[in-house]
């Protein structure tokens, strides 16, 4: 599990995927979200600008990100 320390109130979902290195580009991140490959707290998330906050668990393929 990857732990990501959030510096502000939230981070947009596609920026989180890029910041953790799970995707190479913003386009890759957008495609993953639109294709339904990303889950937020166990639910498939299709919103690219979803506001990820402290306590959220993001799942992409076999990787999990815990936002702390």
N, C-alpha and C. Protein backbone atom coordinates (compact mmCIF):
# COMPACT_ATOMS: atom_id res chain seq x y z
N UNK A 1 0.85 -1.18 0.00
CA UNK A 1 0.00 0.00 0.00
C UNK A 1 0.89 1.25 0.00
N UNK A 2 0.52 2.20 -0.83
CA UNK A 2 1.22 3.47 -0.92
C UNK A 2 0.54 4.45 0.04
N UNK A 3 1.32 5.13 0.85
CA UNK A 3 0.77 6.17 1.71
C UNK A 3 1.12 7.52 1.10
N UNK A 4 0.10 8.34 0.88
CA UNK A 4 0.28 9.67 0.29
C UNK A 4 -0.12 10.71 1.31
N UNK A 5 0.84 11.57 1.68
CA UNK A 5 0.54 12.63 2.65
C UNK A 5 -0.05 13.83 1.92
N UNK A 6 -1.28 14.14 2.24
CA UNK A 6 -2.00 15.25 1.62
C UNK A 6 -1.58 16.55 2.30
N UNK A 7 -1.18 17.53 1.50
CA UNK A 7 -0.71 18.81 2.04
C UNK A 7 -1.85 19.82 2.21
N UNK A 8 -2.87 19.75 1.37
CA UNK A 8 -3.98 20.70 1.46
C UNK A 8 -5.26 20.00 1.87
N UNK A 9 -6.40 20.60 1.49
CA UNK A 9 -7.71 20.05 1.83
C UNK A 9 -8.03 18.82 0.98
N UNK A 10 -7.63 18.85 -0.32
CA UNK A 10 -7.91 17.75 -1.22
C UNK A 10 -6.92 17.77 -2.38
N UNK A 11 -6.93 16.68 -3.17
CA UNK A 11 -6.17 16.60 -4.41
C UNK A 11 -7.08 15.95 -5.45
N UNK A 12 -7.14 16.50 -6.66
CA UNK A 12 -7.95 15.85 -7.70
C UNK A 12 -7.43 14.44 -8.00
N UNK A 13 -8.34 13.55 -8.28
CA UNK A 13 -8.01 12.14 -8.48
C UNK A 13 -6.91 11.93 -9.52
N UNK A 14 -7.02 12.59 -10.68
CA UNK A 14 -6.00 12.36 -11.73
C UNK A 14 -4.63 12.87 -11.28
N UNK A 15 -4.59 13.93 -10.49
CA UNK A 15 -3.31 14.42 -9.99
C UNK A 15 -2.70 13.44 -8.99
N UNK A 16 -3.54 12.80 -8.19
CA UNK A 16 -3.05 11.81 -7.23
C UNK A 16 -2.41 10.63 -7.95
N UNK A 17 -3.05 10.15 -9.00
CA UNK A 17 -2.49 9.02 -9.76
C UNK A 17 -1.13 9.38 -10.35
N UNK A 18 -0.99 10.61 -10.82
CA UNK A 18 0.30 11.06 -11.36
C UNK A 18 1.33 11.23 -10.24
N UNK A 19 0.93 11.84 -9.13
CA UNK A 19 1.85 12.13 -8.03
C UNK A 19 2.42 10.86 -7.40
N UNK A 20 1.66 9.79 -7.42
CA UNK A 20 2.13 8.53 -6.84
C UNK A 20 2.89 7.68 -7.85
N UNK A 21 2.95 8.13 -9.10
CA UNK A 21 3.71 7.41 -10.11
C UNK A 21 3.01 6.19 -10.68
N UNK A 22 1.71 6.06 -10.43
CA UNK A 22 0.98 4.89 -10.95
C UNK A 22 0.66 5.03 -12.44
N UNK A 23 0.68 6.25 -12.94
CA UNK A 23 0.50 6.52 -14.37
C UNK A 23 1.60 7.47 -14.81
N UNK A 24 1.90 7.47 -16.10
CA UNK A 24 2.97 8.32 -16.60
C UNK A 24 2.54 9.73 -16.91
N UNK A 25 1.31 9.90 -17.40
CA UNK A 25 0.85 11.22 -17.82
C UNK A 25 -0.56 11.48 -17.33
N UNK A 26 -0.98 12.74 -17.43
CA UNK A 26 -2.35 13.09 -17.09
C UNK A 26 -3.35 12.41 -18.00
N UNK A 27 -2.97 12.23 -19.26
CA UNK A 27 -3.84 11.53 -20.21
C UNK A 27 -4.06 10.09 -19.81
N UNK A 28 -2.99 9.44 -19.34
CA UNK A 28 -3.11 8.05 -18.86
C UNK A 28 -4.04 7.99 -17.65
N UNK A 29 -3.91 8.97 -16.77
CA UNK A 29 -4.74 9.01 -15.56
C UNK A 29 -6.21 9.21 -15.94
N UNK A 30 -6.47 10.13 -16.87
CA UNK A 30 -7.84 10.38 -17.30
C UNK A 30 -8.44 9.13 -17.95
N UNK A 31 -7.67 8.45 -18.78
CA UNK A 31 -8.16 7.25 -19.45
C UNK A 31 -8.49 6.16 -18.43
N UNK A 32 -7.66 6.00 -17.42
CA UNK A 32 -7.90 4.99 -16.39
C UNK A 32 -9.20 5.26 -15.65
N UNK A 33 -9.45 6.53 -15.33
CA UNK A 33 -10.68 6.91 -14.61
C UNK A 33 -11.90 6.70 -15.50
N UNK A 34 -11.84 7.20 -16.73
CA UNK A 34 -12.98 7.08 -17.66
C UNK A 34 -13.30 5.62 -17.95
N UNK A 35 -12.28 4.76 -18.00
CA UNK A 35 -12.47 3.34 -18.28
C UNK A 35 -12.95 2.55 -17.06
N UNK A 36 -13.11 3.22 -15.91
CA UNK A 36 -13.62 2.55 -14.72
C UNK A 36 -12.61 1.69 -14.01
N UNK A 37 -11.33 2.01 -14.14
CA UNK A 37 -10.27 1.21 -13.54
C UNK A 37 -9.86 1.69 -12.14
N UNK A 38 -10.46 2.78 -11.69
CA UNK A 38 -10.08 3.37 -10.40
C UNK A 38 -11.27 3.30 -9.44
N UNK A 39 -10.98 2.86 -8.21
CA UNK A 39 -12.01 2.83 -7.18
C UNK A 39 -11.62 3.77 -6.05
N UNK A 40 -12.62 4.44 -5.51
CA UNK A 40 -12.45 5.30 -4.35
C UNK A 40 -13.30 4.73 -3.23
N UNK A 41 -12.64 4.30 -2.17
CA UNK A 41 -13.33 3.70 -1.02
C UNK A 41 -14.23 2.54 -1.46
N UNK A 42 -13.74 1.73 -2.40
CA UNK A 42 -14.45 0.53 -2.83
C UNK A 42 -15.46 0.73 -3.94
N UNK A 43 -15.71 1.97 -4.34
CA UNK A 43 -16.69 2.27 -5.39
C UNK A 43 -15.97 2.77 -6.64
N UNK A 44 -16.36 2.27 -7.81
CA UNK A 44 -15.77 2.75 -9.06
C UNK A 44 -16.05 4.24 -9.20
N UNK A 45 -15.01 4.99 -9.50
CA UNK A 45 -15.13 6.45 -9.63
C UNK A 45 -14.83 6.87 -11.06
N UNK A 46 -15.80 7.53 -11.69
CA UNK A 46 -15.66 7.97 -13.07
C UNK A 46 -15.35 9.47 -13.19
N UNK A 47 -15.38 10.19 -12.07
CA UNK A 47 -15.13 11.65 -12.11
C UNK A 47 -13.63 11.91 -12.03
N UNK A 48 -13.09 12.52 -13.08
CA UNK A 48 -11.65 12.80 -13.14
C UNK A 48 -11.24 13.82 -12.09
N UNK A 49 -12.13 14.72 -11.76
CA UNK A 49 -11.80 15.78 -10.81
C UNK A 49 -12.32 15.47 -9.41
N UNK A 50 -12.60 14.21 -9.15
CA UNK A 50 -13.04 13.80 -7.81
C UNK A 50 -12.04 14.32 -6.78
N UNK A 51 -12.53 14.91 -5.70
CA UNK A 51 -11.67 15.48 -4.67
C UNK A 51 -11.32 14.41 -3.64
N UNK A 52 -10.09 13.96 -3.71
CA UNK A 52 -9.60 12.95 -2.78
C UNK A 52 -9.17 13.65 -1.49
N UNK A 53 -9.65 13.14 -0.37
CA UNK A 53 -9.37 13.77 0.93
C UNK A 53 -8.72 12.77 1.88
N UNK A 54 -8.23 13.27 2.99
CA UNK A 54 -7.60 12.43 4.01
C UNK A 54 -8.57 11.32 4.42
N UNK A 55 -8.06 10.10 4.51
CA UNK A 55 -8.87 8.96 4.90
C UNK A 55 -9.37 8.13 3.73
N UNK A 56 -9.30 8.69 2.52
CA UNK A 56 -9.76 7.95 1.34
C UNK A 56 -8.76 6.85 0.97
N UNK A 57 -9.28 5.76 0.45
CA UNK A 57 -8.47 4.66 -0.08
C UNK A 57 -8.77 4.57 -1.57
N UNK A 58 -7.74 4.74 -2.39
CA UNK A 58 -7.87 4.70 -3.84
C UNK A 58 -7.24 3.40 -4.33
N UNK A 59 -7.96 2.67 -5.17
CA UNK A 59 -7.44 1.42 -5.73
C UNK A 59 -7.33 1.56 -7.24
N UNK A 60 -6.16 1.22 -7.77
CA UNK A 60 -5.90 1.24 -9.22
C UNK A 60 -5.11 -0.01 -9.55
N UNK A 61 -5.71 -0.88 -10.36
CA UNK A 61 -5.13 -2.19 -10.68
C UNK A 61 -4.83 -2.91 -9.36
N UNK A 62 -3.59 -3.31 -9.11
CA UNK A 62 -3.27 -4.02 -7.85
C UNK A 62 -2.80 -3.08 -6.76
N UNK A 63 -2.69 -1.79 -7.07
CA UNK A 63 -2.14 -0.84 -6.11
C UNK A 63 -3.23 -0.14 -5.31
N UNK A 64 -2.92 0.12 -4.04
CA UNK A 64 -3.83 0.89 -3.18
C UNK A 64 -3.07 2.09 -2.65
N UNK A 65 -3.77 3.21 -2.60
CA UNK A 65 -3.21 4.44 -2.06
C UNK A 65 -4.04 4.82 -0.84
N UNK A 66 -3.37 5.00 0.28
CA UNK A 66 -4.03 5.49 1.49
C UNK A 66 -3.65 6.95 1.64
N UNK A 67 -4.63 7.82 1.68
CA UNK A 67 -4.38 9.25 1.79
C UNK A 67 -4.36 9.61 3.28
N UNK A 68 -3.21 10.14 3.72
CA UNK A 68 -3.05 10.45 5.14
C UNK A 68 -2.81 11.95 5.33
